[in-house]
Structures are given as structure tokens and as C-alpha cells.
Amino acid sequence: MTLDEIERALKPHHLTVFGGVKTGLPEGLKTLLLLGPKTPGFWPHFTTSPESRDRSADPLDRWSSRVITQVAQTLGARAFFPFGGPPWQPFLQWAVDSGRAHISQVGLLVHDDAGLMVSYRGALGFTQDIKLPKPPPNPCQTCADRPCLSACPVDALTPKGYDVAACKTDLDRAGNDCLTRGCAVRRACPVSQAHGRSEDQSAFHMRAFK
């Protein structure tokens, strides 16, 4: 099994590999691959799914569970998800261990491809050793302007921590577009801007957060 073969299996579902881990895994596994949305295109694909249209709770989680479980069965892998606990799977630790996600200047994870818009829909665990490319550098190391530090109108996200209450309160302020376009801090990241996430997708997550 190669990484290219796995990417081909994920392509019809607009998913891609956001990094891999080979240490600290569940017993019997040698490689775990973290999966995230492949943009642009992921959100239009998801919104045509039965889960998106049936008006039941947690449509994206249910879609992720169905699709990634099917892919896992096809590839002879085990499926893992960042929801459905307890027990909870250590996705944040796996993300950092992959070398492709890092603690940003505002404390959120920043990914070399998705920036501050990084999200994980699931993971595939394999009993075989899968060759992985060397991770790119931390994008924050070459970001001179660091716009994430000044993007929040109420300084809810800073190196000192995340003021969730202040964030949620400001969402109701006239002129705040975070609820409809996504978190201003996440959008400010230069890598996020190149990632191509749909504003509709960000709005979906913000509504769930609020």
C-alpha cells in the first residue's frame, strides 16, 4: 500500500491526507494517516450527500463516519474519528506528531497546507509501514506580518489564550462577519487564504460553535 494509492481512494470523497504518524499509535498499527477536506470542492460535494439533506443532527460527523469507514474497509485499515467519545482519540497530539501541524502564534493548530483552517474528519490506521514524505517547515516561521495576532476585534484569540466567552458575545455584534464567513483570525492566516475553504463551510462550523 502506497500513499498515492490511498490518495486515489480518498479523491472521490474530496478528502486528502493531512499528515501521518508512526509513533504513539494504538496496538498493532504502524502508520496512521490523518484525513482532512480537499479544497476547493469538498463543501459542494458534502452538501449533496444524504446526511447533509436529511435535517438530522451532526450531518458532517455522520457523513465522515460513513465515508471514512467505507474507505477503511476498502483499504484494509481501521477508521478513527475525532468525535463519538468518550473515549476520545488523541487527534491533536497525532496532528502535532505528524510534523505537519504546529502550535500557532494564537494557540490554534496551523497546518502547512490548510493554515488555521485545518480540520480533521478522521484517520486511517494501517498495520503496515507506509512511506511518508518529509513534512514541510512550520509556516509561522516564515510569516513576517503575523496578521493572526491582530485580526480578532475583541482580542479573544491571543498568545495568552482563548477567551471563548468574549468570542461568542462578539458574534452578535453588528458588523461582525465571523458567523457568516468564519473566524477572522483563521481567515487572516496567509496559508488559510490560499487553502480555498468555502465561506459556507466556515459558517456551518461557526453556527455549531455558537
N, C-alpha and C. Protein backbone atom coordinates (compact mmCIF):
# COMPACT_ATOMS: atom_id res chain seq x y z
N MET A 1 0.85 -1.20 0.00
CA MET A 1 0.00 0.00 0.00
C MET A 1 0.88 1.25 0.00
N THR A 2 0.62 2.15 -0.93
CA THR A 2 1.40 3.39 -1.01
C THR A 2 0.50 4.59 -0.72
N LEU A 3 1.15 5.71 -0.43
CA LEU A 3 0.39 6.94 -0.16
C LEU A 3 -0.41 7.35 -1.39
N ASP A 4 0.13 7.17 -2.57
CA ASP A 4 -0.59 7.52 -3.79
C ASP A 4 -1.86 6.69 -3.94
N GLU A 5 -1.78 5.41 -3.62
CA GLU A 5 -2.96 4.55 -3.70
C GLU A 5 -4.04 5.00 -2.73
N ILE A 6 -3.62 5.40 -1.55
CA ILE A 6 -4.57 5.87 -0.54
C ILE A 6 -5.21 7.18 -0.99
N GLU A 7 -4.42 8.09 -1.53
CA GLU A 7 -4.96 9.36 -2.02
C GLU A 7 -5.97 9.12 -3.15
N ARG A 8 -5.72 8.14 -3.98
CA ARG A 8 -6.67 7.84 -5.06
C ARG A 8 -7.99 7.34 -4.50
N ALA A 9 -7.93 6.57 -3.42
CA ALA A 9 -9.16 6.07 -2.80
C ALA A 9 -9.94 7.19 -2.12
N LEU A 10 -9.25 8.23 -1.67
CA LEU A 10 -9.88 9.36 -0.99
C LEU A 10 -10.43 10.40 -1.97
N LYS A 11 -9.85 10.47 -3.14
CA LYS A 11 -10.17 11.54 -4.10
C LYS A 11 -11.66 11.66 -4.42
N PRO A 12 -12.40 10.55 -4.66
CA PRO A 12 -13.83 10.70 -4.98
C PRO A 12 -14.64 11.34 -3.87
N HIS A 13 -14.12 11.31 -2.65
CA HIS A 13 -14.83 11.87 -1.50
C HIS A 13 -14.32 13.26 -1.12
N HIS A 14 -13.42 13.80 -1.92
CA HIS A 14 -12.83 15.12 -1.67
C HIS A 14 -12.16 15.18 -0.30
N LEU A 15 -11.47 14.10 0.03
CA LEU A 15 -10.65 14.04 1.24
C LEU A 15 -9.20 13.86 0.81
N THR A 16 -8.27 14.24 1.71
CA THR A 16 -6.86 14.08 1.43
C THR A 16 -6.11 13.81 2.72
N VAL A 17 -4.87 13.37 2.60
CA VAL A 17 -4.04 13.07 3.77
C VAL A 17 -3.42 14.37 4.27
N PHE A 18 -3.67 14.69 5.53
CA PHE A 18 -3.13 15.90 6.16
C PHE A 18 -1.91 15.61 7.03
N GLY A 19 -1.37 14.40 6.93
CA GLY A 19 -0.18 14.05 7.70
C GLY A 19 -0.25 12.62 8.17
N GLY A 20 0.89 12.11 8.59
CA GLY A 20 0.96 10.74 9.06
C GLY A 20 1.77 10.62 10.34
N VAL A 21 1.48 9.58 11.11
CA VAL A 21 2.12 9.34 12.40
C VAL A 21 2.56 7.89 12.46
N LYS A 22 3.72 7.65 13.09
CA LYS A 22 4.21 6.28 13.22
C LYS A 22 4.58 5.92 14.65
N THR A 23 4.34 6.82 15.58
CA THR A 23 4.64 6.55 16.98
C THR A 23 3.41 6.88 17.83
N GLY A 24 3.33 6.25 19.02
CA GLY A 24 2.23 6.52 19.93
C GLY A 24 0.88 6.09 19.39
N LEU A 25 0.85 5.00 18.62
CA LEU A 25 -0.37 4.56 17.97
C LEU A 25 -1.03 3.41 18.74
N PRO A 26 -2.31 3.17 18.46
CA PRO A 26 -2.97 2.00 19.04
C PRO A 26 -2.23 0.71 18.68
N GLU A 27 -2.33 -0.27 19.54
CA GLU A 27 -1.58 -1.52 19.38
C GLU A 27 -1.85 -2.16 18.02
N GLY A 28 -0.78 -2.61 17.40
CA GLY A 28 -0.87 -3.30 16.12
C GLY A 28 -0.73 -2.43 14.90
N LEU A 29 -0.77 -1.11 15.08
CA LEU A 29 -0.68 -0.20 13.94
C LEU A 29 0.75 0.31 13.76
N LYS A 30 1.13 0.47 12.50
CA LYS A 30 2.46 1.01 12.18
C LYS A 30 2.39 2.39 11.55
N THR A 31 1.26 2.74 10.94
CA THR A 31 1.10 4.05 10.32
C THR A 31 -0.34 4.51 10.50
N LEU A 32 -0.50 5.77 10.88
CA LEU A 32 -1.83 6.38 10.96
C LEU A 32 -1.83 7.64 10.12
N LEU A 33 -2.81 7.75 9.24
CA LEU A 33 -2.92 8.90 8.34
C LEU A 33 -4.12 9.75 8.73
N LEU A 34 -3.88 11.04 8.92
CA LEU A 34 -4.93 12.00 9.28
C LEU A 34 -5.59 12.54 8.01
N LEU A 35 -6.91 12.57 8.01
CA LEU A 35 -7.65 12.96 6.81
C LEU A 35 -8.35 14.29 7.01
N GLY A 36 -8.29 15.14 5.98
CA GLY A 36 -8.96 16.42 6.02
C GLY A 36 -9.62 16.73 4.70
N PRO A 37 -10.43 17.78 4.65
CA PRO A 37 -11.12 18.16 3.41
C PRO A 37 -10.15 18.59 2.32
N LYS A 38 -10.42 18.13 1.11
CA LYS A 38 -9.67 18.55 -0.06
C LYS A 38 -10.40 19.72 -0.70
N THR A 39 -9.78 20.89 -0.66
CA THR A 39 -10.43 22.08 -1.19
C THR A 39 -9.69 22.60 -2.42
N PRO A 40 -10.40 23.35 -3.28
CA PRO A 40 -11.85 23.58 -3.24
C PRO A 40 -12.60 22.33 -3.72
N GLY A 41 -13.86 22.26 -3.42
CA GLY A 41 -14.67 21.15 -3.88
C GLY A 41 -15.29 20.31 -2.79
N PHE A 42 -14.66 20.31 -1.60
CA PHE A 42 -15.18 19.45 -0.54
C PHE A 42 -16.60 19.83 -0.16
N TRP A 43 -16.85 21.12 0.09
CA TRP A 43 -18.15 21.52 0.62
C TRP A 43 -19.29 21.27 -0.38
N PRO A 44 -19.15 21.63 -1.66
CA PRO A 44 -20.21 21.29 -2.62
C PRO A 44 -20.46 19.78 -2.68
N HIS A 45 -19.41 19.00 -2.54
CA HIS A 45 -19.58 17.54 -2.55
C HIS A 45 -20.37 17.08 -1.33
N PHE A 46 -20.01 17.57 -0.15
CA PHE A 46 -20.70 17.16 1.06
C PHE A 46 -22.17 17.57 1.03
N THR A 47 -22.46 18.77 0.55
CA THR A 47 -23.83 19.28 0.62
C THR A 47 -24.79 18.55 -0.30
N THR A 48 -24.28 17.68 -1.17
CA THR A 48 -25.17 16.84 -1.99
C THR A 48 -25.41 15.48 -1.35
N SER A 49 -24.81 15.25 -0.19
CA SER A 49 -24.91 13.93 0.46
C SER A 49 -26.24 13.76 1.17
N PRO A 50 -26.66 12.51 1.42
CA PRO A 50 -27.89 12.27 2.18
C PRO A 50 -27.83 12.88 3.58
N GLU A 51 -26.67 12.81 4.22
CA GLU A 51 -26.54 13.35 5.57
C GLU A 51 -26.77 14.85 5.61
N SER A 52 -26.32 15.54 4.59
CA SER A 52 -26.49 17.00 4.56
C SER A 52 -27.95 17.40 4.34
N ARG A 53 -28.72 16.52 3.72
CA ARG A 53 -30.08 16.88 3.32
C ARG A 53 -31.18 16.31 4.22
N ASP A 54 -30.82 15.42 5.15
CA ASP A 54 -31.89 14.75 5.90
C ASP A 54 -32.34 15.52 7.14
N ARG A 55 -31.71 16.67 7.41
CA ARG A 55 -32.09 17.56 8.51
C ARG A 55 -31.95 16.92 9.89
N SER A 56 -31.17 15.86 9.99
CA SER A 56 -30.89 15.26 11.29
C SER A 56 -29.62 15.88 11.87
N ALA A 57 -29.38 15.59 13.14
CA ALA A 57 -28.24 16.20 13.84
C ALA A 57 -26.91 15.69 13.31
N ASP A 58 -25.88 16.50 13.47
CA ASP A 58 -24.49 16.14 13.19
C ASP A 58 -24.28 15.58 11.78
N PRO A 59 -24.71 16.29 10.76
CA PRO A 59 -24.59 15.74 9.40
C PRO A 59 -23.16 15.48 8.95
N LEU A 60 -22.24 16.40 9.28
CA LEU A 60 -20.86 16.22 8.81
C LEU A 60 -20.17 15.07 9.52
N ASP A 61 -20.44 14.91 10.81
CA ASP A 61 -19.87 13.77 11.54
C ASP A 61 -20.42 12.46 10.99
N ARG A 62 -21.71 12.42 10.71
CA ARG A 62 -22.31 11.19 10.20
C ARG A 62 -21.78 10.87 8.80
N TRP A 63 -21.62 11.90 7.98
CA TRP A 63 -21.02 11.69 6.65
C TRP A 63 -19.59 11.16 6.78
N SER A 64 -18.81 11.79 7.66
CA SER A 64 -17.42 11.37 7.85
C SER A 64 -17.35 9.92 8.31
N SER A 65 -18.22 9.56 9.24
CA SER A 65 -18.23 8.19 9.75
C SER A 65 -18.54 7.19 8.64
N ARG A 66 -19.54 7.49 7.85
CA ARG A 66 -19.92 6.56 6.77
C ARG A 66 -18.82 6.44 5.73
N VAL A 67 -18.35 7.58 5.23
CA VAL A 67 -17.40 7.57 4.12
C VAL A 67 -16.05 7.01 4.53
N ILE A 68 -15.52 7.47 5.66
CA ILE A 68 -14.18 7.02 6.06
C ILE A 68 -14.19 5.56 6.49
N THR A 69 -15.28 5.10 7.07
CA THR A 69 -15.39 3.68 7.39
C THR A 69 -15.38 2.84 6.12
N GLN A 70 -16.08 3.29 5.09
CA GLN A 70 -16.09 2.57 3.82
C GLN A 70 -14.70 2.53 3.20
N VAL A 71 -14.01 3.67 3.22
CA VAL A 71 -12.65 3.71 2.67
C VAL A 71 -11.73 2.78 3.46
N ALA A 72 -11.86 2.79 4.78
CA ALA A 72 -11.04 1.92 5.62
C ALA A 72 -11.26 0.45 5.27
N GLN A 73 -12.50 0.07 5.07
CA GLN A 73 -12.80 -1.32 4.71
C GLN A 73 -12.19 -1.68 3.36
N THR A 74 -12.25 -0.75 2.43
CA THR A 74 -11.67 -1.00 1.10
C THR A 74 -10.16 -1.17 1.16
N LEU A 75 -9.50 -0.40 2.03
CA LEU A 75 -8.04 -0.40 2.10
C LEU A 75 -7.49 -1.35 3.16
N GLY A 76 -8.37 -2.02 3.90
CA GLY A 76 -7.90 -2.90 4.96
C GLY A 76 -7.32 -2.14 6.13
N ALA A 77 -7.92 -1.01 6.45
CA ALA A 77 -7.42 -0.15 7.54
C ALA A 77 -8.46 -0.06 8.64
N ARG A 78 -8.08 0.57 9.74
CA ARG A 78 -9.01 0.88 10.83
C ARG A 78 -9.36 2.36 10.79
N ALA A 79 -10.62 2.68 11.01
CA ALA A 79 -11.07 4.06 10.98
C ALA A 79 -11.10 4.64 12.39
N PHE A 80 -10.66 5.88 12.52
CA PHE A 80 -10.69 6.61 13.78
C PHE A 80 -11.32 7.98 13.53
N PHE A 81 -11.98 8.52 14.58
CA PHE A 81 -12.69 9.78 14.42
C PHE A 81 -12.45 10.70 15.63
N PRO A 82 -12.47 12.01 15.39
CA PRO A 82 -12.28 12.97 16.49
C PRO A 82 -13.57 13.26 17.24
N PHE A 83 -14.60 12.50 17.00
CA PHE A 83 -15.90 12.65 17.67
C PHE A 83 -16.37 11.26 18.09
N GLY A 84 -17.48 11.23 18.82
CA GLY A 84 -18.06 9.94 19.19
C GLY A 84 -17.59 9.38 20.51
N GLY A 85 -16.75 10.13 21.25
CA GLY A 85 -16.28 9.64 22.55
C GLY A 85 -17.25 9.98 23.66
N PRO A 86 -16.86 9.67 24.90
CA PRO A 86 -15.59 9.06 25.26
C PRO A 86 -15.59 7.55 25.00
N PRO A 87 -14.37 6.95 24.88
CA PRO A 87 -13.07 7.63 24.96
C PRO A 87 -12.80 8.43 23.69
N TRP A 88 -12.00 9.49 23.85
CA TRP A 88 -11.66 10.36 22.73
C TRP A 88 -10.30 9.98 22.17
N GLN A 89 -10.19 9.98 20.88
CA GLN A 89 -8.91 9.70 20.24
C GLN A 89 -8.02 10.95 20.29
N PRO A 90 -6.71 10.79 20.44
CA PRO A 90 -5.80 11.95 20.62
C PRO A 90 -5.45 12.64 19.31
N PHE A 91 -6.45 13.19 18.63
CA PHE A 91 -6.20 13.78 17.31
C PHE A 91 -5.25 14.98 17.37
N LEU A 92 -5.38 15.80 18.40
CA LEU A 92 -4.49 16.97 18.49
C LEU A 92 -3.04 16.53 18.63
N GLN A 93 -2.80 15.51 19.44
CA GLN A 93 -1.44 15.02 19.61
C GLN A 93 -0.94 14.37 18.32
N TRP A 94 -1.80 13.60 17.68
CA TRP A 94 -1.41 12.99 16.40
C TRP A 94 -1.08 14.07 15.38
N ALA A 95 -1.86 15.15 15.37
CA ALA A 95 -1.61 16.23 14.42
C ALA A 95 -0.23 16.83 14.62
N VAL A 96 0.11 17.12 15.88
CA VAL A 96 1.43 17.69 16.17
C VAL A 96 2.53 16.67 15.86
N ASP A 97 2.30 15.42 16.22
CA ASP A 97 3.30 14.38 15.97
C ASP A 97 3.54 14.15 14.48
N SER A 98 2.56 14.51 13.64
CA SER A 98 2.74 14.32 12.20
C SER A 98 3.79 15.25 11.62
N GLY A 99 4.08 16.34 12.33
CA GLY A 99 5.04 17.32 11.83
C GLY A 99 4.44 18.27 10.80
N ARG A 100 3.16 18.12 10.52
CA ARG A 100 2.52 19.00 9.54
C ARG A 100 1.57 20.00 10.19
N ALA A 101 1.35 19.87 11.48
CA ALA A 101 0.54 20.83 12.22
C ALA A 101 1.36 21.33 13.41
N HIS A 102 1.25 22.61 13.70
CA HIS A 102 2.08 23.23 14.72
C HIS A 102 1.23 24.17 15.57
N ILE A 103 1.69 24.44 16.78
CA ILE A 103 1.01 25.42 17.62
C ILE A 103 1.32 26.81 17.07
N SER A 104 0.28 27.53 16.67
CA SER A 104 0.47 28.84 16.04
C SER A 104 0.70 29.94 17.07
N GLN A 105 0.85 31.16 16.58
CA GLN A 105 1.05 32.31 17.45
C GLN A 105 -0.16 32.59 18.34
N VAL A 106 -1.34 32.13 17.92
CA VAL A 106 -2.56 32.36 18.71
C VAL A 106 -3.02 31.09 19.42
N GLY A 107 -2.19 30.08 19.41
CA GLY A 107 -2.50 28.86 20.16
C GLY A 107 -3.25 27.80 19.39
N LEU A 108 -3.88 28.17 18.26
CA LEU A 108 -4.56 27.18 17.42
C LEU A 108 -3.55 26.40 16.61
N LEU A 109 -3.95 25.22 16.15
CA LEU A 109 -3.09 24.48 15.24
C LEU A 109 -3.04 25.17 13.89
N VAL A 110 -1.85 25.24 13.31
CA VAL A 110 -1.68 25.74 11.95
C VAL A 110 -1.05 24.63 11.13
N HIS A 111 -1.60 24.39 9.96
CA HIS A 111 -1.18 23.30 9.08
C HIS A 111 -0.46 23.87 7.87
N ASP A 112 0.50 23.14 7.35
CA ASP A 112 1.30 23.68 6.24
C ASP A 112 0.48 23.91 4.98
N ASP A 113 -0.64 23.20 4.81
CA ASP A 113 -1.48 23.36 3.63
C ASP A 113 -2.78 24.10 3.94
N ALA A 114 -3.41 23.80 5.07
CA ALA A 114 -4.71 24.38 5.42
C ALA A 114 -4.60 25.60 6.31
N GLY A 115 -3.43 25.90 6.81
CA GLY A 115 -3.28 27.05 7.70
C GLY A 115 -4.09 26.89 8.97
N LEU A 116 -4.71 27.97 9.42
CA LEU A 116 -5.54 27.93 10.62
C LEU A 116 -6.93 27.35 10.34
N MET A 117 -7.21 27.00 9.09
CA MET A 117 -8.47 26.35 8.73
C MET A 117 -8.38 24.83 8.84
N VAL A 118 -7.31 24.32 9.38
CA VAL A 118 -7.14 22.87 9.44
C VAL A 118 -8.26 22.22 10.25
N SER A 119 -8.77 21.13 9.73
CA SER A 119 -9.75 20.32 10.44
C SER A 119 -9.55 18.87 10.02
N TYR A 120 -9.81 17.98 10.94
CA TYR A 120 -9.62 16.56 10.68
C TYR A 120 -10.96 15.85 10.72
N ARG A 121 -11.29 15.15 9.65
CA ARG A 121 -12.55 14.43 9.59
C ARG A 121 -12.41 13.00 10.08
N GLY A 122 -11.20 12.51 10.16
CA GLY A 122 -10.98 11.15 10.64
C GLY A 122 -9.54 10.74 10.37
N ALA A 123 -9.27 9.45 10.57
CA ALA A 123 -7.93 8.93 10.34
C ALA A 123 -8.03 7.47 9.94
N LEU A 124 -7.01 7.00 9.23
CA LEU A 124 -6.91 5.61 8.83
C LEU A 124 -5.67 5.00 9.47
N GLY A 125 -5.86 3.88 10.17
CA GLY A 125 -4.73 3.19 10.79
C GLY A 125 -4.39 1.93 10.02
N PHE A 126 -3.09 1.74 9.73
CA PHE A 126 -2.63 0.61 8.93
C PHE A 126 -1.64 -0.24 9.74
N THR A 127 -1.70 -1.53 9.49
CA THR A 127 -0.75 -2.44 10.16
C THR A 127 0.58 -2.47 9.43
N GLN A 128 0.66 -1.88 8.25
CA GLN A 128 1.91 -1.85 7.50
C GLN A 128 2.56 -0.47 7.58
N ASP A 129 3.85 -0.45 7.33
CA ASP A 129 4.61 0.80 7.33
C ASP A 129 4.44 1.47 5.97
N ILE A 130 3.86 2.66 5.97
CA ILE A 130 3.63 3.40 4.73
C ILE A 130 4.63 4.54 4.65
N LYS A 131 5.33 4.62 3.54
CA LYS A 131 6.35 5.66 3.36
C LYS A 131 5.69 7.02 3.26
N LEU A 132 6.19 7.97 4.05
CA LEU A 132 5.64 9.32 4.08
C LEU A 132 6.70 10.34 3.68
N PRO A 133 6.30 11.42 2.99
CA PRO A 133 7.28 12.47 2.66
C PRO A 133 7.68 13.25 3.89
N LYS A 134 8.82 13.92 3.80
CA LYS A 134 9.26 14.76 4.89
C LYS A 134 8.32 15.96 5.04
N PRO A 135 7.88 16.27 6.26
CA PRO A 135 6.95 17.39 6.45
C PRO A 135 7.58 18.73 6.06
N PRO A 136 6.79 19.64 5.49
CA PRO A 136 7.29 20.98 5.20
C PRO A 136 7.56 21.74 6.50
N PRO A 137 8.24 22.87 6.42
CA PRO A 137 8.51 23.68 7.62
C PRO A 137 7.23 24.26 8.21
N ASN A 138 7.32 24.64 9.46
CA ASN A 138 6.22 25.35 10.13
C ASN A 138 5.98 26.67 9.41
N PRO A 139 4.78 26.91 8.86
CA PRO A 139 4.55 28.16 8.10
C PRO A 139 4.68 29.42 8.94
N CYS A 140 4.51 29.32 10.25
CA CYS A 140 4.64 30.51 11.10
C CYS A 140 6.08 31.03 11.11
N GLN A 141 7.03 30.17 10.84
CA GLN A 141 8.44 30.57 10.90
C GLN A 141 8.82 31.55 9.80
N THR A 142 8.07 31.53 8.71
CA THR A 142 8.37 32.44 7.60
C THR A 142 7.29 33.51 7.42
N CYS A 143 6.39 33.63 8.39
CA CYS A 143 5.32 34.63 8.31
C CYS A 143 5.79 35.89 9.02
N ALA A 144 6.14 36.91 8.25
CA ALA A 144 6.71 38.14 8.83
C ALA A 144 5.65 39.02 9.47
N ASP A 145 4.48 39.12 8.86
CA ASP A 145 3.46 40.08 9.33
C ASP A 145 2.63 39.54 10.49
N ARG A 146 2.45 38.24 10.56
CA ARG A 146 1.65 37.60 11.61
C ARG A 146 0.30 38.29 11.81
N PRO A 147 -0.51 38.36 10.76
CA PRO A 147 -1.80 39.05 10.85
C PRO A 147 -2.77 38.39 11.83
N CYS A 148 -2.55 37.14 12.18
CA CYS A 148 -3.45 36.46 13.12
C CYS A 148 -3.46 37.15 14.48
N LEU A 149 -2.36 37.82 14.83
CA LEU A 149 -2.25 38.42 16.16
C LEU A 149 -3.14 39.65 16.33
N SER A 150 -3.54 40.27 15.24
CA SER A 150 -4.34 41.49 15.35
C SER A 150 -5.70 41.39 14.67
N ALA A 151 -6.08 40.20 14.23
CA ALA A 151 -7.31 40.06 13.44
C ALA A 151 -8.57 40.04 14.28
N CYS A 152 -8.49 39.60 15.53
CA CYS A 152 -9.70 39.48 16.35
C CYS A 152 -10.10 40.85 16.89
N PRO A 153 -11.34 41.29 16.66
CA PRO A 153 -11.75 42.63 17.11
C PRO A 153 -11.85 42.77 18.62
N VAL A 154 -11.92 41.65 19.35
CA VAL A 154 -12.02 41.73 20.82
C VAL A 154 -10.86 41.01 21.50
N ASP A 155 -9.82 40.70 20.73
CA ASP A 155 -8.64 40.02 21.27
C ASP A 155 -9.00 38.75 22.04
N ALA A 156 -9.94 38.00 21.47
CA ALA A 156 -10.34 36.74 22.12
C ALA A 156 -9.30 35.64 21.90
N LEU A 157 -8.58 35.75 20.79
CA LEU A 157 -7.54 34.77 20.47
C LEU A 157 -6.19 35.46 20.47
N THR A 158 -5.37 35.18 21.46
CA THR A 158 -4.05 35.77 21.60
C THR A 158 -3.08 34.71 22.09
N PRO A 159 -1.77 35.03 22.11
CA PRO A 159 -0.81 34.07 22.66
C PRO A 159 -1.09 33.72 24.12
N LYS A 160 -1.87 34.54 24.81
CA LYS A 160 -2.16 34.28 26.22
C LYS A 160 -3.27 33.26 26.41
N GLY A 161 -4.03 32.99 25.34
CA GLY A 161 -5.10 32.01 25.46
C GLY A 161 -6.33 32.41 24.66
N TYR A 162 -7.40 31.65 24.85
CA TYR A 162 -8.63 31.83 24.08
C TYR A 162 -9.77 32.18 25.03
N ASP A 163 -10.31 33.41 24.89
CA ASP A 163 -11.43 33.86 25.69
C ASP A 163 -12.71 33.47 24.94
N VAL A 164 -13.23 32.29 25.21
CA VAL A 164 -14.38 31.77 24.49
C VAL A 164 -15.61 32.65 24.71
N ALA A 165 -15.82 33.09 25.95
CA ALA A 165 -16.99 33.91 26.25
C ALA A 165 -16.99 35.22 25.45
N ALA A 166 -15.84 35.88 25.39
CA ALA A 166 -15.74 37.13 24.64
C ALA A 166 -15.98 36.89 23.15
N CYS A 167 -15.48 35.78 22.66
CA CYS A 167 -15.67 35.42 21.25
C CYS A 167 -17.14 35.25 20.93
N LYS A 168 -17.83 34.45 21.74
CA LYS A 168 -19.24 34.19 21.47
C LYS A 168 -20.10 35.45 21.61
N THR A 169 -19.76 36.30 22.58
CA THR A 169 -20.51 37.54 22.76
C THR A 169 -20.36 38.44 21.55
N ASP A 170 -19.15 38.53 21.01
CA ASP A 170 -18.90 39.43 19.88
C ASP A 170 -19.56 38.95 18.60
N LEU A 171 -19.91 37.68 18.52
CA LEU A 171 -20.57 37.18 17.31
C LEU A 171 -21.90 37.87 17.06
N ASP A 172 -22.52 38.39 18.11
CA ASP A 172 -23.81 39.07 17.98
C ASP A 172 -23.68 40.57 17.69
N ARG A 173 -22.46 41.07 17.65
CA ARG A 173 -22.24 42.50 17.41
C ARG A 173 -22.52 42.84 15.95
N ALA A 174 -23.20 43.94 15.73
CA ALA A 174 -23.45 44.42 14.37
C ALA A 174 -22.12 44.67 13.67
N GLY A 175 -21.98 44.16 12.49
CA GLY A 175 -20.74 44.33 11.74
C GLY A 175 -19.78 43.17 11.87
N ASN A 176 -20.00 42.29 12.83
CA ASN A 176 -19.14 41.11 12.96
C ASN A 176 -19.53 40.09 11.89
N ASP A 177 -18.56 39.70 11.05
CA ASP A 177 -18.86 38.76 9.98
C ASP A 177 -18.28 37.37 10.22
N CYS A 178 -17.81 37.14 11.45
CA CYS A 178 -17.22 35.82 11.74
C CYS A 178 -18.25 34.70 11.62
N LEU A 179 -19.49 34.99 12.00
CA LEU A 179 -20.51 33.95 11.98
C LEU A 179 -20.88 33.53 10.56
N THR A 180 -20.78 34.45 9.62
CA THR A 180 -21.16 34.14 8.25
C THR A 180 -19.97 33.79 7.36
N ARG A 181 -18.77 34.21 7.74
CA ARG A 181 -17.60 33.98 6.88
C ARG A 181 -16.53 33.12 7.54
N GLY A 182 -16.66 32.91 8.85
CA GLY A 182 -15.63 32.18 9.56
C GLY A 182 -14.79 33.10 10.42
N CYS A 183 -14.12 32.54 11.41
CA CYS A 183 -13.30 33.28 12.35
C CYS A 183 -12.31 34.19 11.63
N ALA A 184 -12.30 35.48 12.03
CA ALA A 184 -11.42 36.47 11.39
C ALA A 184 -9.95 36.11 11.58
N VAL A 185 -9.61 35.53 12.71
CA VAL A 185 -8.22 35.14 12.96
C VAL A 185 -7.81 34.02 12.01
N ARG A 186 -8.65 33.03 11.86
CA ARG A 186 -8.35 31.93 10.95
C ARG A 186 -8.24 32.43 9.51
N ARG A 187 -9.12 33.36 9.14
CA ARG A 187 -9.10 33.89 7.77
C ARG A 187 -7.86 34.74 7.51
N ALA A 188 -7.34 35.36 8.55
CA ALA A 188 -6.19 36.26 8.37
C ALA A 188 -4.91 35.53 8.02
N CYS A 189 -4.80 34.28 8.40
CA CYS A 189 -3.60 33.49 8.13
C CYS A 189 -3.35 33.41 6.63
N PRO A 190 -2.17 33.77 6.15
CA PRO A 190 -1.89 33.71 4.70
C PRO A 190 -2.06 32.31 4.12
N VAL A 191 -1.72 31.29 4.88
CA VAL A 191 -1.89 29.92 4.38
C VAL A 191 -3.38 29.59 4.28
N SER A 192 -4.16 30.02 5.26
CA SER A 192 -5.61 29.80 5.21
C SER A 192 -6.20 30.42 3.95
N GLN A 193 -5.75 31.61 3.60
CA GLN A 193 -6.30 32.32 2.45
C GLN A 193 -6.05 31.57 1.15
N ALA A 194 -4.98 30.81 1.10
CA ALA A 194 -4.66 30.04 -0.11
C ALA A 194 -5.30 28.66 -0.10
N HIS A 195 -5.95 28.31 1.00
CA HIS A 195 -6.48 26.94 1.14
C HIS A 195 -7.78 26.74 0.36
N GLY A 196 -8.56 27.79 0.19
CA GLY A 196 -9.76 27.68 -0.62
C GLY A 196 -10.97 27.12 0.09
N ARG A 197 -11.04 27.25 1.42
CA ARG A 197 -12.23 26.78 2.11
C ARG A 197 -13.43 27.67 1.79
N SER A 198 -14.57 27.05 1.53
CA SER A 198 -15.79 27.78 1.25
C SER A 198 -16.27 28.53 2.49
N GLU A 199 -16.76 29.76 2.29
CA GLU A 199 -17.32 30.51 3.41
C GLU A 199 -18.55 29.80 3.98
N ASP A 200 -19.29 29.11 3.13
CA ASP A 200 -20.44 28.35 3.62
C ASP A 200 -20.01 27.27 4.61
N GLN A 201 -18.87 26.65 4.34
CA GLN A 201 -18.36 25.63 5.25
C GLN A 201 -17.97 26.26 6.58
N SER A 202 -17.28 27.40 6.53
CA SER A 202 -16.90 28.09 7.77
C SER A 202 -18.13 28.52 8.55
N ALA A 203 -19.15 29.00 7.85
CA ALA A 203 -20.38 29.43 8.52
C ALA A 203 -21.06 28.24 9.21
N PHE A 204 -21.03 27.10 8.58
CA PHE A 204 -21.60 25.88 9.17
C PHE A 204 -20.93 25.57 10.51
N HIS A 205 -19.61 25.62 10.53
CA HIS A 205 -18.88 25.32 11.77
C HIS A 205 -19.11 26.40 12.82
N MET A 206 -19.20 27.65 12.40
CA MET A 206 -19.41 28.74 13.35
C MET A 206 -20.80 28.65 13.99
N ARG A 207 -21.79 28.27 13.22
CA ARG A 207 -23.13 28.09 13.79
C ARG A 207 -23.12 26.98 14.84
N ALA A 208 -22.41 25.91 14.55
CA ALA A 208 -22.32 24.81 15.51
C ALA A 208 -21.58 25.26 16.77
N PHE A 209 -20.56 26.08 16.60
CA PHE A 209 -19.79 26.60 17.73
C PHE A 209 -20.65 27.50 18.61
N LYS A 210 -21.44 28.38 18.00
CA LYS A 210 -22.26 29.34 18.72
C LYS A 210 -23.40 28.66 19.49
